Amino acid sequence: ATTAAAAATAEAATAAATAAATAATA
């Protein structure tokens, strides 16, 4: 459970960073 939560958290953080970078470029 903890490994899955940590993985989901890392994935969400990466997606948020990518979205922010994309928005800044747009």
mmCIF file of all heavy atoms, coordinates in Angstrom:
data_MODEL
# 
_entry.id   MODEL 
# 
loop_
_atom_site.group_PDB 
_atom_site.id 
_atom_site.type_symbol 
_atom_site.label_atom_id 
_atom_site.label_alt_id 
_atom_site.label_comp_id 
_atom_site.label_asym_id 
_atom_site.label_entity_id 
_atom_site.label_seq_id 
_atom_site.pdbx_PDB_ins_code 
_atom_site.Cartn_x 
_atom_site.Cartn_y 
_atom_site.Cartn_z 
_atom_site.occupancy 
_atom_site.B_iso_or_equiv 
_atom_site.pdbx_formal_charge 
_atom_site.auth_seq_id 
_atom_site.auth_comp_id 
_atom_site.auth_asym_id 
_atom_site.auth_atom_id 
_atom_site.pdbx_PDB_model_num 
ATOM 1   N N   . ALA A 1 1  ? 0.827  -1.208 0.000   1.00 0.00 ? 1  ALA A N   1 
ATOM 2   C CA  . ALA A 1 1  ? 0.000  0.000  0.000   1.00 0.00 ? 1  ALA A CA  1 
ATOM 3   C C   . ALA A 1 1  ? 0.859  1.255  0.000   1.00 0.00 ? 1  ALA A C   1 
ATOM 4   O O   . ALA A 1 1  ? 0.598  2.213  -0.744  1.00 0.00 ? 1  ALA A O   1 
ATOM 5   C CB  . ALA A 1 1  ? -0.932 -0.002 1.211   1.00 0.00 ? 1  ALA A CB  1 
ATOM 6   N N   . THR A 1 2  ? 1.893  1.277  0.837   1.00 0.00 ? 2  THR A N   1 
ATOM 7   C CA  . THR A 1 2  ? 2.747  2.456  0.936   1.00 0.00 ? 2  THR A CA  1 
ATOM 8   C C   . THR A 1 2  ? 3.555  2.656  -0.335  1.00 0.00 ? 2  THR A C   1 
ATOM 9   O O   . THR A 1 2  ? 3.721  3.789  -0.805  1.00 0.00 ? 2  THR A O   1 
ATOM 10  C CB  . THR A 1 2  ? 3.688  2.337  2.149   1.00 0.00 ? 2  THR A CB  1 
ATOM 11  O OG1 . THR A 1 2  ? 2.923  2.008  3.310   1.00 0.00 ? 2  THR A OG1 1 
ATOM 12  C CG2 . THR A 1 2  ? 4.424  3.640  2.399   1.00 0.00 ? 2  THR A CG2 1 
ATOM 13  N N   . THR A 1 3  ? 4.053  1.564  -0.904  1.00 0.00 ? 3  THR A N   1 
ATOM 14  C CA  . THR A 1 3  ? 4.794  1.663  -2.160  1.00 0.00 ? 3  THR A CA  1 
ATOM 15  C C   . THR A 1 3  ? 3.899  2.201  -3.270  1.00 0.00 ? 3  THR A C   1 
ATOM 16  O O   . THR A 1 3  ? 4.307  3.063  -4.056  1.00 0.00 ? 3  THR A O   1 
ATOM 17  C CB  . THR A 1 3  ? 5.349  0.285  -2.563  1.00 0.00 ? 3  THR A CB  1 
ATOM 18  O OG1 . THR A 1 3  ? 6.253  -0.170 -1.551  1.00 0.00 ? 3  THR A OG1 1 
ATOM 19  C CG2 . THR A 1 3  ? 6.080  0.353  -3.897  1.00 0.00 ? 3  THR A CG2 1 
ATOM 20  N N   . ALA A 1 4  ? 2.651  1.705  -3.322  1.00 0.00 ? 4  ALA A N   1 
ATOM 21  C CA  . ALA A 1 4  ? 1.708  2.181  -4.337  1.00 0.00 ? 4  ALA A CA  1 
ATOM 22  C C   . ALA A 1 4  ? 1.378  3.655  -4.124  1.00 0.00 ? 4  ALA A C   1 
ATOM 23  O O   . ALA A 1 4  ? 1.285  4.430  -5.078  1.00 0.00 ? 4  ALA A O   1 
ATOM 24  C CB  . ALA A 1 4  ? 0.432  1.340  -4.303  1.00 0.00 ? 4  ALA A CB  1 
ATOM 25  N N   . ALA A 1 5  ? 1.210  4.066  -2.853  1.00 0.00 ? 5  ALA A N   1 
ATOM 26  C CA  . ALA A 1 5  ? 0.909  5.471  -2.555  1.00 0.00 ? 5  ALA A CA  1 
ATOM 27  C C   . ALA A 1 5  ? 2.074  6.368  -2.940  1.00 0.00 ? 5  ALA A C   1 
ATOM 28  O O   . ALA A 1 5  ? 1.889  7.455  -3.512  1.00 0.00 ? 5  ALA A O   1 
ATOM 29  C CB  . ALA A 1 5  ? 0.578  5.632  -1.075  1.00 0.00 ? 5  ALA A CB  1 
ATOM 30  N N   . ALA A 1 6  ? 3.290  5.934  -2.624  1.00 0.00 ? 6  ALA A N   1 
ATOM 31  C CA  . ALA A 1 6  ? 4.474  6.726  -2.967  1.00 0.00 ? 6  ALA A CA  1 
ATOM 32  C C   . ALA A 1 6  ? 4.622  6.841  -4.481  1.00 0.00 ? 6  ALA A C   1 
ATOM 33  O O   . ALA A 1 6  ? 4.958  7.913  -5.009  1.00 0.00 ? 6  ALA A O   1 
ATOM 34  C CB  . ALA A 1 6  ? 5.715  6.086  -2.351  1.00 0.00 ? 6  ALA A CB  1 
ATOM 35  N N   . ALA A 1 7  ? 4.349  5.736  -5.191  1.00 0.00 ? 7  ALA A N   1 
ATOM 36  C CA  . ALA A 1 7  ? 4.443  5.757  -6.653  1.00 0.00 ? 7  ALA A CA  1 
ATOM 37  C C   . ALA A 1 7  ? 3.394  6.683  -7.259  1.00 0.00 ? 7  ALA A C   1 
ATOM 38  O O   . ALA A 1 7  ? 3.675  7.448  -8.190  1.00 0.00 ? 7  ALA A O   1 
ATOM 39  C CB  . ALA A 1 7  ? 4.286  4.342  -7.200  1.00 0.00 ? 7  ALA A CB  1 
ATOM 40  N N   . ALA A 1 8  ? 2.161  6.622  -6.722  1.00 0.00 ? 8  ALA A N   1 
ATOM 41  C CA  . ALA A 1 8  ? 1.091  7.484  -7.220  1.00 0.00 ? 8  ALA A CA  1 
ATOM 42  C C   . ALA A 1 8  ? 1.410  8.951  -6.954  1.00 0.00 ? 8  ALA A C   1 
ATOM 43  O O   . ALA A 1 8  ? 1.136  9.828  -7.779  1.00 0.00 ? 8  ALA A O   1 
ATOM 44  C CB  . ALA A 1 8  ? -0.236 7.100  -6.565  1.00 0.00 ? 8  ALA A CB  1 
ATOM 45  N N   . THR A 1 9  ? 2.000  9.219  -5.795  1.00 0.00 ? 9  THR A N   1 
ATOM 46  C CA  . THR A 1 9  ? 2.376  10.586 -5.444  1.00 0.00 ? 9  THR A CA  1 
ATOM 47  C C   . THR A 1 9  ? 3.454  11.112 -6.382  1.00 0.00 ? 9  THR A C   1 
ATOM 48  O O   . THR A 1 9  ? 3.380  12.240 -6.870  1.00 0.00 ? 9  THR A O   1 
ATOM 49  C CB  . THR A 1 9  ? 2.885  10.631 -3.989  1.00 0.00 ? 9  THR A CB  1 
ATOM 50  O OG1 . THR A 1 9  ? 1.817  10.241 -3.116  1.00 0.00 ? 9  THR A OG1 1 
ATOM 51  C CG2 . THR A 1 9  ? 3.353  12.016 -3.616  1.00 0.00 ? 9  THR A CG2 1 
ATOM 52  N N   . ALA A 1 10 ? 4.453  10.274 -6.650  1.00 0.00 ? 10 ALA A N   1 
ATOM 53  C CA  . ALA A 1 10 ? 5.526  10.683 -7.558  1.00 0.00 ? 10 ALA A CA  1 
ATOM 54  C C   . ALA A 1 10 ? 4.991  10.920 -8.965  1.00 0.00 ? 10 ALA A C   1 
ATOM 55  O O   . ALA A 1 10 ? 5.375  11.877 -9.643  1.00 0.00 ? 10 ALA A O   1 
ATOM 56  C CB  . ALA A 1 10 ? 6.611  9.610  -7.574  1.00 0.00 ? 10 ALA A CB  1 
ATOM 57  N N   . GLU A 1 11 ? 4.078  10.042 -9.410  1.00 0.00 ? 11 GLU A N   1 
ATOM 58  C CA  . GLU A 1 11 ? 3.487  10.194 -10.741 1.00 0.00 ? 11 GLU A CA  1 
ATOM 59  C C   . GLU A 1 11 ? 2.682  11.486 -10.838 1.00 0.00 ? 11 GLU A C   1 
ATOM 60  O O   . GLU A 1 11 ? 2.751  12.203 -11.839 1.00 0.00 ? 11 GLU A O   1 
ATOM 61  C CB  . GLU A 1 11 ? 2.591  9.001  -11.047 1.00 0.00 ? 11 GLU A CB  1 
ATOM 62  C CG  . GLU A 1 11 ? 1.977  9.018  -12.439 1.00 0.00 ? 11 GLU A CG  1 
ATOM 63  C CD  . GLU A 1 11 ? 1.103  7.813  -12.711 1.00 0.00 ? 11 GLU A CD  1 
ATOM 64  O OE1 . GLU A 1 11 ? 1.143  6.861  -11.912 1.00 0.00 ? 11 GLU A OE1 1 
ATOM 65  O OE2 . GLU A 1 11 ? 0.386  7.817  -13.723 1.00 0.00 ? 11 GLU A OE2 1 
ATOM 66  N N   . ALA A 1 12 ? 1.918  11.793 -9.769  1.00 0.00 ? 12 ALA A N   1 
ATOM 67  C CA  . ALA A 1 12 ? 1.116  13.018 -9.763  1.00 0.00 ? 12 ALA A CA  1 
ATOM 68  C C   . ALA A 1 12 ? 2.014  14.250 -9.782  1.00 0.00 ? 12 ALA A C   1 
ATOM 69  O O   . ALA A 1 12 ? 1.722  15.241 -10.462 1.00 0.00 ? 12 ALA A O   1 
ATOM 70  C CB  . ALA A 1 12 ? 0.217  13.041 -8.534  1.00 0.00 ? 12 ALA A CB  1 
ATOM 71  N N   . ALA A 1 13 ? 3.109  14.204 -9.034  1.00 0.00 ? 13 ALA A N   1 
ATOM 72  C CA  . ALA A 1 13 ? 4.037  15.337 -8.997  1.00 0.00 ? 13 ALA A CA  1 
ATOM 73  C C   . ALA A 1 13 ? 4.671  15.563 -10.363 1.00 0.00 ? 13 ALA A C   1 
ATOM 74  O O   . ALA A 1 13 ? 4.816  16.701 -10.824 1.00 0.00 ? 13 ALA A O   1 
ATOM 75  C CB  . ALA A 1 13 ? 5.115  15.088 -7.946  1.00 0.00 ? 13 ALA A CB  1 
ATOM 76  N N   . THR A 1 14 ? 5.030  14.482 -11.042 1.00 0.00 ? 14 THR A N   1 
ATOM 77  C CA  . THR A 1 14 ? 5.624  14.590 -12.374 1.00 0.00 ? 14 THR A CA  1 
ATOM 78  C C   . THR A 1 14 ? 4.618  15.162 -13.368 1.00 0.00 ? 14 THR A C   1 
ATOM 79  O O   . THR A 1 14 ? 4.946  16.029 -14.183 1.00 0.00 ? 14 THR A O   1 
ATOM 80  C CB  . THR A 1 14 ? 6.095  13.210 -12.864 1.00 0.00 ? 14 THR A CB  1 
ATOM 81  O OG1 . THR A 1 14 ? 7.068  12.700 -11.942 1.00 0.00 ? 14 THR A OG1 1 
ATOM 82  C CG2 . THR A 1 14 ? 6.703  13.298 -14.251 1.00 0.00 ? 14 THR A CG2 1 
ATOM 83  N N   . ALA A 1 15 ? 3.362  14.673 -13.278 1.00 0.00 ? 15 ALA A N   1 
ATOM 84  C CA  . ALA A 1 15 ? 2.319  15.168 -14.180 1.00 0.00 ? 15 ALA A CA  1 
ATOM 85  C C   . ALA A 1 15 ? 2.051  16.645 -13.949 1.00 0.00 ? 15 ALA A C   1 
ATOM 86  O O   . ALA A 1 15 ? 1.864  17.418 -14.891 1.00 0.00 ? 15 ALA A O   1 
ATOM 87  C CB  . ALA A 1 15 ? 1.038  14.359 -13.984 1.00 0.00 ? 15 ALA A CB  1 
ATOM 88  N N   . ALA A 1 16 ? 2.046  17.068 -12.663 1.00 0.00 ? 16 ALA A N   1 
ATOM 89  C CA  . ALA A 1 16 ? 1.808  18.475 -12.347 1.00 0.00 ? 16 ALA A CA  1 
ATOM 90  C C   . ALA A 1 16 ? 2.928  19.357 -12.878 1.00 0.00 ? 16 ALA A C   1 
ATOM 91  O O   . ALA A 1 16 ? 2.694  20.444 -13.416 1.00 0.00 ? 16 ALA A O   1 
ATOM 92  C CB  . ALA A 1 16 ? 1.671  18.650 -10.835 1.00 0.00 ? 16 ALA A CB  1 
ATOM 93  N N   . ALA A 1 17 ? 4.171  18.884 -12.736 1.00 0.00 ? 17 ALA A N   1 
ATOM 94  C CA  . ALA A 1 17 ? 5.308  19.652 -13.230 1.00 0.00 ? 17 ALA A CA  1 
ATOM 95  C C   . ALA A 1 17 ? 5.270  19.776 -14.749 1.00 0.00 ? 17 ALA A C   1 
ATOM 96  O O   . ALA A 1 17 ? 5.540  20.839 -15.315 1.00 0.00 ? 17 ALA A O   1 
ATOM 97  C CB  . ALA A 1 17 ? 6.606  18.992 -12.777 1.00 0.00 ? 17 ALA A CB  1 
ATOM 98  N N   . THR A 1 18 ? 4.892  18.678 -15.415 1.00 0.00 ? 18 THR A N   1 
ATOM 99  C CA  . THR A 1 18 ? 4.793  18.697 -16.879 1.00 0.00 ? 18 THR A CA  1 
ATOM 100 C C   . THR A 1 18 ? 3.690  19.639 -17.338 1.00 0.00 ? 18 THR A C   1 
ATOM 101 O O   . THR A 1 18 ? 3.863  20.402 -18.290 1.00 0.00 ? 18 THR A O   1 
ATOM 102 C CB  . THR A 1 18 ? 4.505  17.274 -17.405 1.00 0.00 ? 18 THR A CB  1 
ATOM 103 O OG1 . THR A 1 18 ? 5.552  16.405 -16.980 1.00 0.00 ? 18 THR A OG1 1 
ATOM 104 C CG2 . THR A 1 18 ? 4.416  17.261 -18.917 1.00 0.00 ? 18 THR A CG2 1 
ATOM 105 N N   . ALA A 1 19 ? 2.542  19.594 -16.633 1.00 0.00 ? 19 ALA A N   1 
ATOM 106 C CA  . ALA A 1 19 ? 1.424  20.473 -16.986 1.00 0.00 ? 19 ALA A CA  1 
ATOM 107 C C   . ALA A 1 19 ? 1.804  21.935 -16.797 1.00 0.00 ? 19 ALA A C   1 
ATOM 108 O O   . ALA A 1 19 ? 1.458  22.800 -17.607 1.00 0.00 ? 19 ALA A O   1 
ATOM 109 C CB  . ALA A 1 19 ? 0.201  20.127 -16.148 1.00 0.00 ? 19 ALA A CB  1 
ATOM 110 N N   . ALA A 1 20 ? 2.516  22.230 -15.703 1.00 0.00 ? 20 ALA A N   1 
ATOM 111 C CA  . ALA A 1 20 ? 2.929  23.607 -15.441 1.00 0.00 ? 20 ALA A CA  1 
ATOM 112 C C   . ALA A 1 20 ? 3.885  24.094 -16.518 1.00 0.00 ? 20 ALA A C   1 
ATOM 113 O O   . ALA A 1 20 ? 3.783  25.229 -17.003 1.00 0.00 ? 20 ALA A O   1 
ATOM 114 C CB  . ALA A 1 20 ? 3.593  23.697 -14.069 1.00 0.00 ? 20 ALA A CB  1 
ATOM 115 N N   . ALA A 1 21 ? 4.823  23.229 -16.931 1.00 0.00 ? 21 ALA A N   1 
ATOM 116 C CA  . ALA A 1 21 ? 5.777  23.610 -17.975 1.00 0.00 ? 21 ALA A CA  1 
ATOM 117 C C   . ALA A 1 21 ? 5.066  23.824 -19.306 1.00 0.00 ? 21 ALA A C   1 
ATOM 118 O O   . ALA A 1 21 ? 5.354  24.767 -20.044 1.00 0.00 ? 21 ALA A O   1 
ATOM 119 C CB  . ALA A 1 21 ? 6.842  22.529 -18.111 1.00 0.00 ? 21 ALA A CB  1 
ATOM 120 N N   . THR A 1 22 ? 4.093  22.945 -19.598 1.00 0.00 ? 22 THR A N   1 
ATOM 121 C CA  . THR A 1 22 ? 3.328  23.080 -20.836 1.00 0.00 ? 22 THR A CA  1 
ATOM 122 C C   . THR A 1 22 ? 2.516  24.360 -20.842 1.00 0.00 ? 22 THR A C   1 
ATOM 123 O O   . THR A 1 22 ? 2.442  25.068 -21.850 1.00 0.00 ? 22 THR A O   1 
ATOM 124 C CB  . THR A 1 22 ? 2.391  21.874 -21.010 1.00 0.00 ? 22 THR A CB  1 
ATOM 125 O OG1 . THR A 1 22 ? 3.171  20.679 -21.007 1.00 0.00 ? 22 THR A OG1 1 
ATOM 126 C CG2 . THR A 1 22 ? 1.609  21.973 -22.318 1.00 0.00 ? 22 THR A CG2 1 
ATOM 127 N N   . ALA A 1 23 ? 1.892  24.680 -19.711 1.00 0.00 ? 23 ALA A N   1 
ATOM 128 C CA  . ALA A 1 23 ? 1.087  25.897 -19.612 1.00 0.00 ? 23 ALA A CA  1 
ATOM 129 C C   . ALA A 1 23 ? 1.959  27.130 -19.793 1.00 0.00 ? 23 ALA A C   1 
ATOM 130 O O   . ALA A 1 23 ? 1.576  28.103 -20.452 1.00 0.00 ? 23 ALA A O   1 
ATOM 131 C CB  . ALA A 1 23 ? 0.380  25.946 -18.262 1.00 0.00 ? 23 ALA A CB  1 
ATOM 132 N N   . ALA A 1 24 ? 3.164  27.110 -19.195 1.00 0.00 ? 24 ALA A N   1 
ATOM 133 C CA  . ALA A 1 24 ? 4.065  28.253 -19.321 1.00 0.00 ? 24 ALA A CA  1 
ATOM 134 C C   . ALA A 1 24 ? 4.479  28.455 -20.763 1.00 0.00 ? 24 ALA A C   1 
ATOM 135 O O   . ALA A 1 24 ? 4.567  29.583 -21.259 1.00 0.00 ? 24 ALA A O   1 
ATOM 136 C CB  . ALA A 1 24 ? 5.293  28.039 -18.440 1.00 0.00 ? 24 ALA A CB  1 
ATOM 137 N N   . THR A 1 25 ? 4.724  27.366 -21.485 1.00 0.00 ? 25 THR A N   1 
ATOM 138 C CA  . THR A 1 25 ? 5.105  27.457 -22.894 1.00 0.00 ? 25 THR A CA  1 
ATOM 139 C C   . THR A 1 25 ? 3.943  27.957 -23.731 1.00 0.00 ? 25 THR A C   1 
ATOM 140 O O   . THR A 1 25 ? 4.110  28.788 -24.627 1.00 0.00 ? 25 THR A O   1 
ATOM 141 C CB  . THR A 1 25 ? 5.558  26.081 -23.414 1.00 0.00 ? 25 THR A CB  1 
ATOM 142 O OG1 . THR A 1 25 ? 6.643  25.616 -22.608 1.00 0.00 ? 25 THR A OG1 1 
ATOM 143 C CG2 . THR A 1 25 ? 6.004  26.166 -24.875 1.00 0.00 ? 25 THR A CG2 1 
ATOM 144 N N   . ALA A 1 26 ? 2.740  27.470 -23.414 1.00 0.00 ? 26 ALA A N   1 
ATOM 145 C CA  . ALA A 1 26 ? 1.553  27.848 -24.193 1.00 0.00 ? 26 ALA A CA  1 
ATOM 146 C C   . ALA A 1 26 ? 1.270  29.336 -24.095 1.00 0.00 ? 26 ALA A C   1 
ATOM 147 O O   . ALA A 1 26 ? 0.775  29.952 -25.034 1.00 0.00 ? 26 ALA A O   1 
ATOM 148 C CB  . ALA A 1 26 ? 0.346  27.058 -23.717 1.00 0.00 ? 26 ALA A CB  1 
# 
